[in-house]
Protein backbone atom coordinates (compact mmCIF):
# COMPACT_ATOMS: atom_id res chain seq x y z
CA MET A 1 19.10 8.00 -29.01
CA SER A 2 19.98 11.03 -26.95
CA PHE A 3 21.50 8.80 -24.27
CA PHE A 4 24.27 7.78 -26.68
CA THR A 5 24.67 11.10 -28.48
CA ASP A 6 24.96 12.93 -25.16
CA LEU A 7 27.88 10.57 -24.19
CA ALA A 8 29.56 10.46 -27.59
CA HIS A 9 32.65 12.32 -26.44
CA GLN A 10 36.10 11.89 -24.98
CA TYR A 11 36.39 12.62 -21.21
CA ILE A 12 39.81 14.20 -20.43
CA ASP A 13 40.74 16.17 -17.34
CA GLY A 14 37.14 16.60 -16.35
CA GLU A 15 36.02 17.98 -19.72
CA TRP A 16 33.79 16.40 -22.35
CA LYS A 17 35.35 17.04 -25.76
CA ALA A 18 35.51 15.72 -29.28
CA GLY A 19 38.51 13.75 -30.37
CA SER A 20 40.76 15.26 -33.00
CA GLY A 21 41.52 12.07 -34.97
CA SER A 22 40.91 11.72 -38.68
CA TRP A 23 37.99 9.31 -38.54
CA ASP A 24 34.94 8.32 -36.48
CA ILE A 25 33.89 5.23 -34.57
CA ILE A 26 30.24 4.51 -35.42
CA ASP A 27 28.31 2.95 -32.58
CA PHE A 28 25.60 0.62 -34.01
CA ASN A 29 22.74 -1.32 -32.47
CA PRO A 30 23.80 -4.89 -33.51
CA TYR A 31 20.18 -6.10 -33.73
CA ASP A 32 18.62 -3.56 -36.11
CA GLY A 33 21.66 -1.63 -37.35
CA GLU A 34 20.49 1.70 -35.94
CA LYS A 35 23.23 4.24 -35.65
CA LEU A 36 23.50 5.14 -31.97
CA ALA A 37 26.33 7.65 -32.11
CA SER A 38 29.41 8.82 -34.02
CA ILE A 39 32.56 9.52 -32.02
CA THR A 40 35.69 11.07 -33.45
CA VAL A 41 38.65 9.02 -32.22
CA ALA A 42 41.21 10.34 -29.80
CA THR A 43 44.76 10.76 -31.09
CA ALA A 44 47.98 9.64 -29.45
CA ASP A 45 48.45 13.18 -28.23
CA GLU A 46 45.09 13.12 -26.50
CA VAL A 47 45.94 9.80 -24.91
CA ASP A 48 49.01 11.50 -23.52
CA GLN A 49 46.85 14.43 -22.29
CA ALA A 50 44.64 11.99 -20.47
CA TYR A 51 47.62 10.26 -18.81
CA ARG A 52 49.22 13.58 -17.82
CA ALA A 53 45.93 14.78 -16.32
CA ALA A 54 45.70 11.52 -14.35
CA GLU A 55 49.26 11.91 -13.14
CA ARG A 56 48.68 15.42 -11.86
CA ALA A 57 45.39 14.57 -10.15
CA GLN A 58 46.60 11.40 -8.57
CA ARG A 59 49.15 13.03 -6.21
CA GLU A 60 46.52 14.86 -4.20
CA TRP A 61 44.05 11.92 -4.49
CA ALA A 62 46.57 9.55 -2.95
CA GLU A 63 46.85 11.91 0.11
CA THR A 64 43.03 12.09 0.40
CA ASN A 65 41.50 10.44 3.42
CA ALA A 66 40.45 6.91 2.52
CA TYR A 67 37.02 7.63 3.99
CA ALA A 68 36.57 10.51 1.59
CA ARG A 69 37.54 8.25 -1.34
CA ARG A 70 35.06 5.72 -0.04
CA ALA A 71 32.27 8.36 -0.05
CA VAL A 72 32.76 8.87 -3.83
CA LEU A 73 32.34 5.14 -4.44
CA GLU A 74 29.17 5.10 -2.32
CA ARG A 75 27.71 7.94 -4.44
CA ALA A 76 28.74 6.12 -7.67
CA LEU A 77 26.74 3.13 -6.49
CA ARG A 78 23.68 5.28 -5.91
CA VAL A 79 24.06 6.78 -9.36
CA VAL A 80 23.96 3.33 -10.94
CA GLU A 81 21.00 2.33 -8.83
CA ASP A 82 19.10 5.47 -9.75
CA ARG A 83 19.80 5.01 -13.51
CA GLU A 84 19.31 1.24 -13.63
CA GLU A 85 16.44 1.21 -16.12
CA GLU A 86 18.29 3.63 -18.46
CA ILE A 87 21.46 1.47 -18.30
CA THR A 88 19.39 -1.63 -19.01
CA GLU A 89 18.03 -0.06 -22.20
CA ALA A 90 21.56 0.87 -23.19
CA ILE A 91 22.85 -2.68 -22.73
CA VAL A 92 20.04 -3.90 -25.02
CA ALA A 93 20.77 -1.29 -27.63
CA GLU A 94 24.53 -1.11 -27.74
CA LEU A 95 25.41 -4.73 -27.04
CA GLY A 96 22.33 -6.67 -28.21
CA GLY A 97 22.09 -8.02 -24.71
CA THR A 98 18.87 -9.58 -23.55
CA ARG A 99 17.08 -8.19 -20.50
CA LEU A 100 18.28 -11.18 -18.55
CA LYS A 101 21.88 -10.43 -19.51
CA ALA A 102 21.37 -6.72 -18.64
CA ALA A 103 20.08 -7.66 -15.20
CA PHE A 104 23.00 -9.97 -14.71
CA GLU A 105 25.56 -7.38 -15.71
CA LEU A 106 23.99 -4.66 -13.57
CA HIS A 107 23.71 -6.91 -10.52
CA LEU A 108 27.43 -7.75 -10.71
CA THR A 109 28.41 -4.13 -11.40
CA LYS A 110 26.62 -3.04 -8.21
CA GLU A 111 28.30 -5.81 -6.26
CA PHE A 112 31.75 -4.68 -7.46
CA LEU A 113 30.97 -1.07 -6.56
CA ARG A 114 29.96 -2.23 -3.03
CA GLU A 115 33.23 -4.13 -2.78
CA ALA A 116 35.17 -1.08 -3.97
CA VAL A 117 33.64 0.85 -1.07
CA HIS A 118 35.30 -1.59 1.29
CA VAL A 119 38.51 -1.80 -0.71
CA ALA A 120 39.17 1.90 0.01
CA LEU A 121 39.85 0.94 3.64
CA ARG A 122 41.57 -2.35 3.09
CA PRO A 123 45.29 -1.56 2.56
CA GLU A 124 47.18 -2.32 5.73
CA GLY A 125 50.74 -1.67 6.73
CA ARG A 126 52.95 -4.01 8.66
CA VAL A 127 55.85 -3.68 11.07
CA LEU A 128 58.43 -6.40 10.62
CA PRO A 129 61.34 -7.36 12.95
CA SER A 130 64.95 -6.68 12.04
CA PRO A 131 68.13 -8.50 13.02
CA ASP A 132 69.72 -5.09 13.49
CA GLU A 133 69.49 -3.70 17.01
CA GLY A 134 67.22 -0.59 17.25
CA LYS A 135 65.82 -0.95 13.73
CA GLU A 136 62.13 -0.89 12.91
CA ASN A 137 60.89 -2.12 9.46
CA ARG A 138 57.67 -0.55 8.24
CA LEU A 139 55.93 -1.96 5.21
CA TYR A 140 53.43 0.38 3.55
CA ARG A 141 50.80 -0.32 0.96
CA VAL A 142 50.77 2.57 -1.53
CA PRO A 143 48.86 3.24 -4.77
CA VAL A 144 50.71 2.34 -8.00
CA GLY A 145 49.93 5.74 -9.38
CA VAL A 146 48.13 5.66 -12.70
CA VAL A 147 46.35 2.60 -14.08
CA GLY A 148 45.46 2.09 -17.75
CA VAL A 149 42.35 -0.04 -18.29
CA ILE A 150 41.32 -1.68 -21.57
CA SER A 151 37.87 -3.23 -21.45
CA PRO A 152 36.00 -5.64 -23.86
CA PHE A 153 32.66 -5.40 -25.65
CA ASN A 154 30.80 -8.32 -24.06
CA PHE A 155 30.25 -7.01 -20.48
CA PRO A 156 31.76 -3.55 -20.92
CA PHE A 157 30.10 -1.71 -18.07
CA LEU A 158 30.85 -4.39 -15.52
CA LEU A 159 34.40 -5.07 -16.70
CA SER A 160 35.38 -1.41 -16.82
CA VAL A 161 33.99 -0.75 -13.36
CA LYS A 162 35.61 -3.91 -12.06
CA SER A 163 39.06 -2.32 -12.53
CA VAL A 164 38.22 1.37 -12.46
CA ALA A 165 36.38 1.44 -9.15
CA PRO A 166 38.90 -0.35 -6.93
CA ALA A 167 41.82 1.41 -8.61
CA LEU A 168 40.29 4.77 -7.70
CA ALA A 169 39.30 3.53 -4.22
CA LEU A 170 42.97 2.64 -3.57
CA GLY A 171 44.23 6.12 -4.41
CA ASN A 172 45.12 5.72 -8.09
CA ALA A 173 44.02 7.64 -11.15
CA VAL A 174 42.77 5.86 -14.23
CA VAL A 175 42.75 6.20 -18.02
CA LEU A 176 40.11 3.93 -19.53
CA LYS A 177 39.99 2.77 -23.18
CA PRO A 178 36.79 0.88 -23.99
CA HIS A 179 36.30 -1.45 -26.94
CA GLN A 180 35.12 0.35 -30.10
CA ASN A 181 32.00 -1.76 -30.20
CA ALA A 182 31.00 -0.57 -26.76
CA PRO A 183 32.34 2.96 -26.41
CA VAL A 184 29.51 4.32 -24.30
CA LEU A 185 28.84 1.43 -21.86
CA GLY A 186 32.46 0.57 -21.53
CA GLY A 187 33.72 4.15 -21.43
CA SER A 188 31.82 7.43 -21.36
CA LEU A 189 28.97 6.06 -19.21
CA VAL A 190 31.53 5.03 -16.56
CA ALA A 191 33.00 8.56 -16.66
CA LYS A 192 29.46 10.06 -16.31
CA VAL A 193 28.68 7.93 -13.27
CA PHE A 194 31.84 9.02 -11.48
CA GLU A 195 31.44 12.62 -12.57
CA GLU A 196 27.93 12.68 -11.01
CA ALA A 197 29.39 10.97 -7.91
CA GLY A 198 31.75 13.97 -7.42
CA LEU A 199 35.05 12.36 -8.41
CA PRO A 200 37.59 15.23 -8.81
CA PRO A 201 38.54 16.09 -12.41
CA GLY A 202 41.47 14.27 -13.94
CA LEU A 203 41.22 11.11 -11.86
CA LEU A 204 39.21 9.23 -14.49
CA ASN A 205 39.77 9.86 -18.12
CA VAL A 206 38.16 8.04 -21.05
CA VAL A 207 39.76 7.90 -24.49
CA ILE A 208 37.68 6.31 -27.25
CA THR A 209 40.04 5.30 -29.98
CA ASP A 210 41.66 2.39 -31.80
CA ILE A 211 45.15 1.05 -32.46
CA ALA A 212 44.65 2.10 -36.13
CA GLU A 213 44.91 5.66 -34.80
CA ILE A 214 47.22 5.46 -31.81
CA GLY A 215 49.25 2.25 -32.29
CA ASP A 216 50.71 1.24 -28.97
CA ALA A 217 50.59 4.73 -27.44
CA PHE A 218 48.17 3.63 -24.72
CA LEU A 219 50.58 0.97 -23.57
CA GLU A 220 53.91 2.64 -24.15
CA ASN A 221 53.07 5.95 -22.42
CA PRO A 222 55.50 6.44 -19.53
CA VAL A 223 52.86 7.47 -16.99
CA PRO A 224 50.84 4.31 -16.16
CA SER A 225 52.50 1.70 -13.95
CA VAL A 226 49.86 -1.00 -14.43
CA ILE A 227 47.74 -1.95 -17.46
CA SER A 228 44.57 -3.95 -16.68
CA PHE A 229 43.40 -5.69 -19.90
CA THR A 230 40.38 -7.82 -20.59
CA GLY A 231 40.04 -9.31 -24.05
CA SER A 232 41.36 -11.99 -26.35
CA ASP A 233 44.52 -13.93 -25.77
CA ARG A 234 45.91 -12.76 -29.12
CA VAL A 235 45.74 -9.12 -28.13
CA GLY A 236 46.63 -9.91 -24.50
CA ARG A 237 49.89 -11.54 -25.64
CA HIS A 238 50.82 -8.25 -27.34
CA VAL A 239 49.75 -6.22 -24.32
CA ALA A 240 51.91 -8.37 -22.11
CA THR A 241 54.93 -8.09 -24.46
CA VAL A 242 54.74 -4.31 -24.71
CA CYS A 243 54.20 -3.89 -20.96
CA ALA A 244 57.16 -6.10 -20.13
CA SER A 245 59.41 -4.18 -22.47
CA HIS A 246 58.47 -0.98 -20.62
CA PHE A 247 58.69 -2.49 -17.17
CA LYS A 248 54.95 -2.18 -16.54
CA ARG A 249 52.86 -4.64 -14.61
CA SER A 250 50.02 -6.15 -16.65
CA ILE A 251 46.89 -7.81 -15.32
CA LEU A 252 45.48 -9.97 -18.09
CA GLU A 253 41.99 -11.48 -18.10
CA MET A 254 41.64 -13.30 -21.38
CA GLY A 255 39.75 -15.93 -23.21
CA GLY A 256 38.67 -19.46 -22.28
CA ASN A 257 37.71 -22.85 -23.60
CA SER A 258 35.98 -24.13 -20.47
CA ALA A 259 34.79 -27.67 -19.98
CA LEU A 260 31.62 -28.63 -18.13
CA ILE A 261 32.05 -32.30 -17.02
CA VAL A 262 29.01 -34.46 -16.43
CA LEU A 263 30.01 -37.56 -14.48
CA ASP A 264 27.97 -40.82 -14.50
CA ASP A 265 26.22 -40.04 -11.17
CA ALA A 266 25.16 -36.47 -12.03
CA ASP A 267 21.62 -35.11 -11.76
CA LEU A 268 21.12 -34.94 -15.53
CA ASP A 269 18.19 -32.54 -15.63
CA TYR A 270 20.14 -30.08 -13.44
CA ALA A 271 23.31 -30.62 -15.44
CA VAL A 272 21.39 -29.80 -18.68
CA ASP A 273 20.11 -26.57 -17.15
CA ALA A 274 23.59 -25.58 -16.02
CA ALA A 275 25.15 -26.44 -19.37
CA VAL A 276 22.58 -24.62 -21.47
CA PHE A 277 22.99 -21.43 -19.42
CA SER A 278 26.79 -21.77 -19.31
CA ARG A 279 27.04 -22.13 -23.04
CA PHE A 280 24.37 -19.75 -24.42
CA VAL A 281 24.18 -16.78 -21.93
CA HIS A 282 24.73 -13.59 -23.92
CA GLN A 283 24.84 -15.59 -27.17
CA GLY A 284 27.98 -17.43 -25.89
CA GLN A 285 30.00 -14.20 -25.92
CA VAL A 286 31.41 -14.86 -22.47
CA CYS A 287 34.99 -15.86 -21.73
CA MET A 288 33.85 -18.30 -19.00
CA ALA A 289 31.27 -19.97 -21.27
CA ALA A 290 31.18 -23.78 -21.41
CA ASN A 291 32.60 -24.32 -24.96
CA ARG A 292 32.97 -28.01 -24.35
CA ILE A 293 30.37 -30.21 -22.57
CA LEU A 294 31.96 -33.50 -21.56
CA VAL A 295 29.53 -36.31 -20.76
CA ASP A 296 30.20 -39.78 -19.45
CA ARG A 297 29.37 -42.26 -22.15
CA SER A 298 27.04 -44.20 -19.85
CA VAL A 299 24.68 -41.22 -19.66
CA ARG A 300 25.51 -39.63 -23.01
CA ASP A 301 22.32 -40.51 -24.89
CA GLU A 302 19.93 -39.34 -22.12
CA PHE A 303 21.85 -36.11 -21.51
CA THR A 304 22.13 -35.37 -25.22
CA GLU A 305 18.43 -35.79 -25.84
CA LYS A 306 17.48 -33.48 -23.01
CA PHE A 307 20.17 -30.98 -23.86
CA VAL A 308 19.27 -30.70 -27.56
CA ALA A 309 15.59 -30.39 -26.70
CA LYS A 310 16.26 -27.51 -24.30
CA VAL A 311 18.54 -25.68 -26.70
CA ALA A 312 16.06 -26.09 -29.51
CA GLY A 313 13.46 -24.34 -27.36
CA LEU A 314 15.56 -21.20 -26.85
CA THR A 315 14.04 -18.08 -28.42
CA VAL A 316 16.23 -16.19 -30.90
CA GLY A 317 15.35 -12.59 -31.74
CA ASP A 318 14.89 -9.06 -30.53
CA PRO A 319 16.90 -8.60 -27.31
CA ALA A 320 14.40 -6.03 -26.14
CA ASP A 321 11.72 -8.71 -25.88
CA PRO A 322 11.80 -10.20 -22.38
CA ALA A 323 11.05 -13.63 -23.88
CA THR A 324 14.23 -13.67 -25.97
CA HIS A 325 17.06 -15.90 -24.89
CA ILE A 326 19.48 -15.37 -27.79
CA GLY A 327 20.06 -11.94 -29.22
CA PRO A 328 22.50 -10.82 -31.90
CA LEU A 329 26.22 -11.17 -31.95
CA ILE A 330 28.11 -7.92 -31.57
CA ASN A 331 28.77 -7.41 -35.30
CA SER A 332 28.55 -9.00 -38.73
CA SER A 333 32.26 -10.14 -38.64
CA GLN A 334 31.59 -12.14 -35.52
CA ALA A 335 28.41 -13.64 -36.85
CA GLU A 336 30.13 -14.67 -40.08
CA ALA A 337 33.09 -16.14 -38.15
CA VAL A 338 30.86 -18.27 -35.97
CA SER A 339 28.83 -19.49 -38.92
CA THR A 340 31.97 -20.38 -40.90
CA LEU A 341 33.44 -22.25 -37.91
CA VAL A 342 30.32 -24.42 -37.63
CA ASP A 343 30.34 -25.15 -41.40
CA GLN A 344 34.03 -26.05 -41.38
CA ALA A 345 33.61 -28.40 -38.38
CA VAL A 346 30.73 -30.21 -40.11
CA ALA A 347 32.66 -30.48 -43.36
CA ALA A 348 35.54 -32.00 -41.36
CA GLY A 349 33.34 -34.75 -39.90
CA ALA A 350 31.43 -33.28 -36.94
CA LYS A 351 27.80 -34.19 -36.60
CA ALA A 352 25.35 -31.30 -36.19
CA LEU A 353 22.54 -32.18 -33.86
CA LEU A 354 21.39 -28.59 -34.33
CA HIS A 355 22.79 -26.39 -37.16
CA GLY A 356 21.79 -22.81 -36.38
CA SER A 357 20.60 -20.47 -39.15
CA VAL A 358 22.00 -16.99 -39.59
CA ASP A 359 19.89 -13.86 -40.07
CA GLY A 360 21.98 -10.75 -40.04
CA ASN A 361 23.75 -10.73 -36.67
CA LEU A 362 21.29 -13.30 -35.25
CA VAL A 363 22.93 -16.67 -35.10
CA ALA A 364 20.74 -19.52 -33.83
CA PRO A 365 22.35 -22.15 -31.57
CA SER A 366 24.33 -25.07 -33.00
CA VAL A 367 25.16 -28.32 -31.14
CA LEU A 368 27.98 -30.45 -32.59
CA THR A 369 29.11 -33.89 -31.63
CA ASP A 370 31.35 -36.73 -33.02
CA LEU A 371 34.12 -34.25 -33.61
CA PRO A 372 37.42 -35.71 -34.83
CA ALA A 373 40.08 -35.72 -32.15
CA ASP A 374 42.25 -33.34 -34.18
CA SER A 375 39.44 -30.82 -34.86
CA PRO A 376 40.88 -27.27 -34.33
CA VAL A 377 37.51 -26.16 -32.88
CA LEU A 378 38.13 -28.32 -29.83
CA ARG A 379 41.05 -26.17 -28.65
CA GLN A 380 39.82 -22.66 -29.49
CA GLU A 381 37.53 -20.20 -27.88
CA ILE A 382 34.16 -19.98 -29.62
CA PHE A 383 32.61 -16.54 -28.96
CA GLY A 384 29.11 -17.49 -30.15
CA PRO A 385 26.17 -19.89 -29.58
CA VAL A 386 27.89 -23.16 -30.49
CA ALA A 387 28.12 -26.16 -28.03
CA LEU A 388 30.43 -29.12 -28.45
CA LEU A 389 29.25 -32.39 -26.85
CA LEU A 390 32.13 -34.84 -26.14
CA PRO A 391 31.80 -38.32 -24.62
CA PHE A 392 34.36 -39.78 -22.22
CA ASP A 393 34.95 -43.04 -20.42
CA GLY A 394 35.73 -42.42 -16.74
CA GLU A 395 37.29 -39.62 -14.74
CA ASP A 396 40.79 -39.91 -16.15
CA GLU A 397 39.70 -39.40 -19.71
CA ALA A 398 37.47 -36.51 -18.65
CA VAL A 399 40.37 -34.77 -17.03
CA ARG A 400 42.59 -35.44 -20.05
CA ILE A 401 40.09 -33.94 -22.45
CA ALA A 402 39.36 -30.97 -20.17
CA ASN A 403 43.09 -30.16 -20.00
CA ASP A 404 43.69 -30.58 -23.78
CA THR A 405 43.44 -26.84 -24.49
CA PRO A 406 45.76 -23.89 -24.35
CA TYR A 407 43.23 -22.13 -22.09
CA GLY A 408 42.45 -22.47 -18.35
CA LEU A 409 39.84 -19.99 -17.20
CA SER A 410 36.74 -21.68 -15.78
CA GLY A 411 34.95 -25.04 -15.68
CA ALA A 412 32.38 -27.10 -13.89
CA VAL A 413 31.93 -30.72 -12.63
CA HIS A 414 28.55 -32.36 -12.12
CA THR A 415 28.27 -35.35 -9.82
CA GLY A 416 26.11 -36.86 -7.06
CA ASP A 417 29.20 -36.96 -4.79
CA VAL A 418 30.48 -33.50 -3.98
CA GLU A 419 33.90 -34.67 -2.77
CA ARG A 420 34.34 -36.72 -5.96
CA GLY A 421 33.62 -33.52 -7.87
CA VAL A 422 36.22 -31.64 -5.85
CA ARG A 423 38.78 -34.36 -6.55
CA VAL A 424 38.14 -34.11 -10.30
CA ALA A 425 38.12 -30.28 -10.16
CA GLN A 426 41.57 -30.29 -8.51
CA ARG A 427 42.99 -32.11 -11.49
CA VAL A 428 41.72 -29.67 -14.07
CA ARG A 429 44.27 -26.97 -14.78
CA THR A 430 42.08 -23.89 -14.62
CA GLY A 431 41.91 -20.76 -12.55
CA MET A 432 38.29 -21.38 -11.47
CA ILE A 433 36.04 -24.40 -11.44
CA HIS A 434 32.66 -25.08 -9.91
CA VAL A 435 31.15 -28.26 -8.55
CA ASN A 436 27.42 -28.82 -9.39
CA ASP A 437 26.99 -25.35 -10.92
CA GLY A 438 27.55 -23.45 -14.15
CA THR A 439 30.90 -22.11 -15.51
CA VAL A 440 29.84 -18.40 -15.58
CA HIS A 441 30.46 -16.93 -12.15
CA ASP A 442 32.17 -13.82 -10.75
CA GLU A 443 32.00 -12.80 -7.13
CA ALA A 444 33.45 -9.53 -5.84
CA ILE A 445 35.56 -10.97 -3.04
CA VAL A 446 36.80 -14.16 -4.68
CA PRO A 447 40.02 -14.05 -6.75
CA PHE A 448 39.15 -14.18 -10.48
CA GLY A 449 41.58 -15.15 -13.18
CA GLY A 450 42.99 -17.88 -15.43
CA GLU A 451 45.90 -20.17 -16.12
CA LYS A 452 47.86 -20.72 -19.29
CA SER A 453 46.58 -18.53 -22.18
CA SER A 454 43.61 -17.40 -20.15
CA GLY A 455 45.57 -14.72 -18.28
CA ILE A 456 48.09 -13.50 -15.72
CA GLY A 457 47.16 -12.22 -12.30
CA ARG A 458 43.94 -12.02 -10.39
CA LEU A 459 41.32 -9.45 -9.55
CA ASN A 460 38.59 -9.17 -6.86
CA GLY A 461 38.93 -8.81 -3.10
CA GLU A 462 42.45 -8.91 -1.75
CA ALA A 463 43.78 -9.79 -5.21
CA THR A 464 42.62 -6.37 -6.37
CA VAL A 465 44.59 -4.68 -3.57
CA ASP A 466 47.66 -6.56 -4.78
CA ALA A 467 46.96 -5.53 -8.43
CA PHE A 468 46.58 -1.82 -7.86
CA THR A 469 48.97 -1.11 -4.99
CA THR A 470 52.66 -1.74 -4.38
CA GLN A 471 54.69 -2.24 -1.23
CA LYS A 472 57.09 0.21 0.13
CA TRP A 473 59.71 -0.52 2.86
CA ILE A 474 60.69 2.30 5.16
CA SER A 475 63.06 1.42 7.96
CA VAL A 476 63.69 3.54 11.04
CA GLN A 477 66.91 3.23 13.02
CA HIS A 478 66.03 4.23 16.60
CA GLY A 479 69.57 3.64 17.78
CA ARG A 480 72.78 3.94 15.84
CA SER A 481 73.97 1.53 13.15
CA ARG A 482 77.65 0.46 13.04
CA PHE A 483 79.30 0.88 9.66
CA PRO A 484 82.48 -0.98 8.62
CA PHE A 485 84.17 2.14 7.37
């Protein structure tokens, strides 16, 4: 596809160029195996070139009028709107995303670009009082300088833009490293959008590479002050360690093992709809997905019957077909891992109400129940179409089970009493939780992030300003200070 081959390049200092590494990343369509593009990886030296270009360009950008920066973001939004159908086709091809998933990702991407337009004007200074006579304390919000962004494969266009756009709006420069399974949507397409929007060269650079080529060069480079990472907790732990050892700030958005809790007074038909979407959207390859569905024992049988029937009716197949609900997982390794996980859980005593078949990267939904209390699958993130149904007796046990995980990203509580739902939600240790809704939500002005192994820091709205700026104190002595010597 020419869309992919045209963008199969590194983007450094405003120039599209081939990497000079010793091997290529092959971009495949996960549904039919079609080769979309071949991209020679960037070397550690090219990563440094990208950072140095960003460092040079950022100085002038930081002095640019915020309204001029805002205009670039406005044009970037128009570029995405104008190319929406083309980007939709790319999401289907590169990610195996369904058309519903593509529409969801594009809608949120546009919302985050709209918010970035406003973020450009959001930093505000303050004047604080001083106990010293004649002194004025000024507190300025200034850009951090250069931001390194590492994005994942599941929602790569959205999750790259989510950090890149506000970082640029606030006066920073960015070097972006997309996941090797989504090099175009997560990387070069983002660069193309901003290039067409008139962003000056050097302010956004994209390096398509892998740690097998560059090691920790992306993290250890002395130029970036902040690393924004979205991905697994295993990799995120390493990112945090390296950043801390180099005195860099890290913003970490990592995995989840979210619980959707169905209390005894819930609207069961509605809860089923919310649970099915929350578990199976984009084949379950969503950090906020409802891995665990907790159901009060008094309504367990009715909920389970309706849930299994709805899941069994989901269509698995070609993501380009508008009728498809479940497309392929991102690669064969992921498909095999999910299939093995289900087989191991069943062998260890779980009951499979549905046991999904595997056809290449297509993995049909599985629904497991009666899991042993010590089953490892209960405490890990499942990045695939597998739902775990767990009964509980009363609110206290629901909260205990929901909290029995190293993660704390999202969640949901379903009940006929909203305030009861809020009380339960307050007891679940998670960064985000929703009463009478699904677990998969992201809104551009609401702080997004997790607790425990699900992350450090927040993005969106004012939290984004905190993430990509720093505070600078400048005092002015209008009189004369008295010194002791």
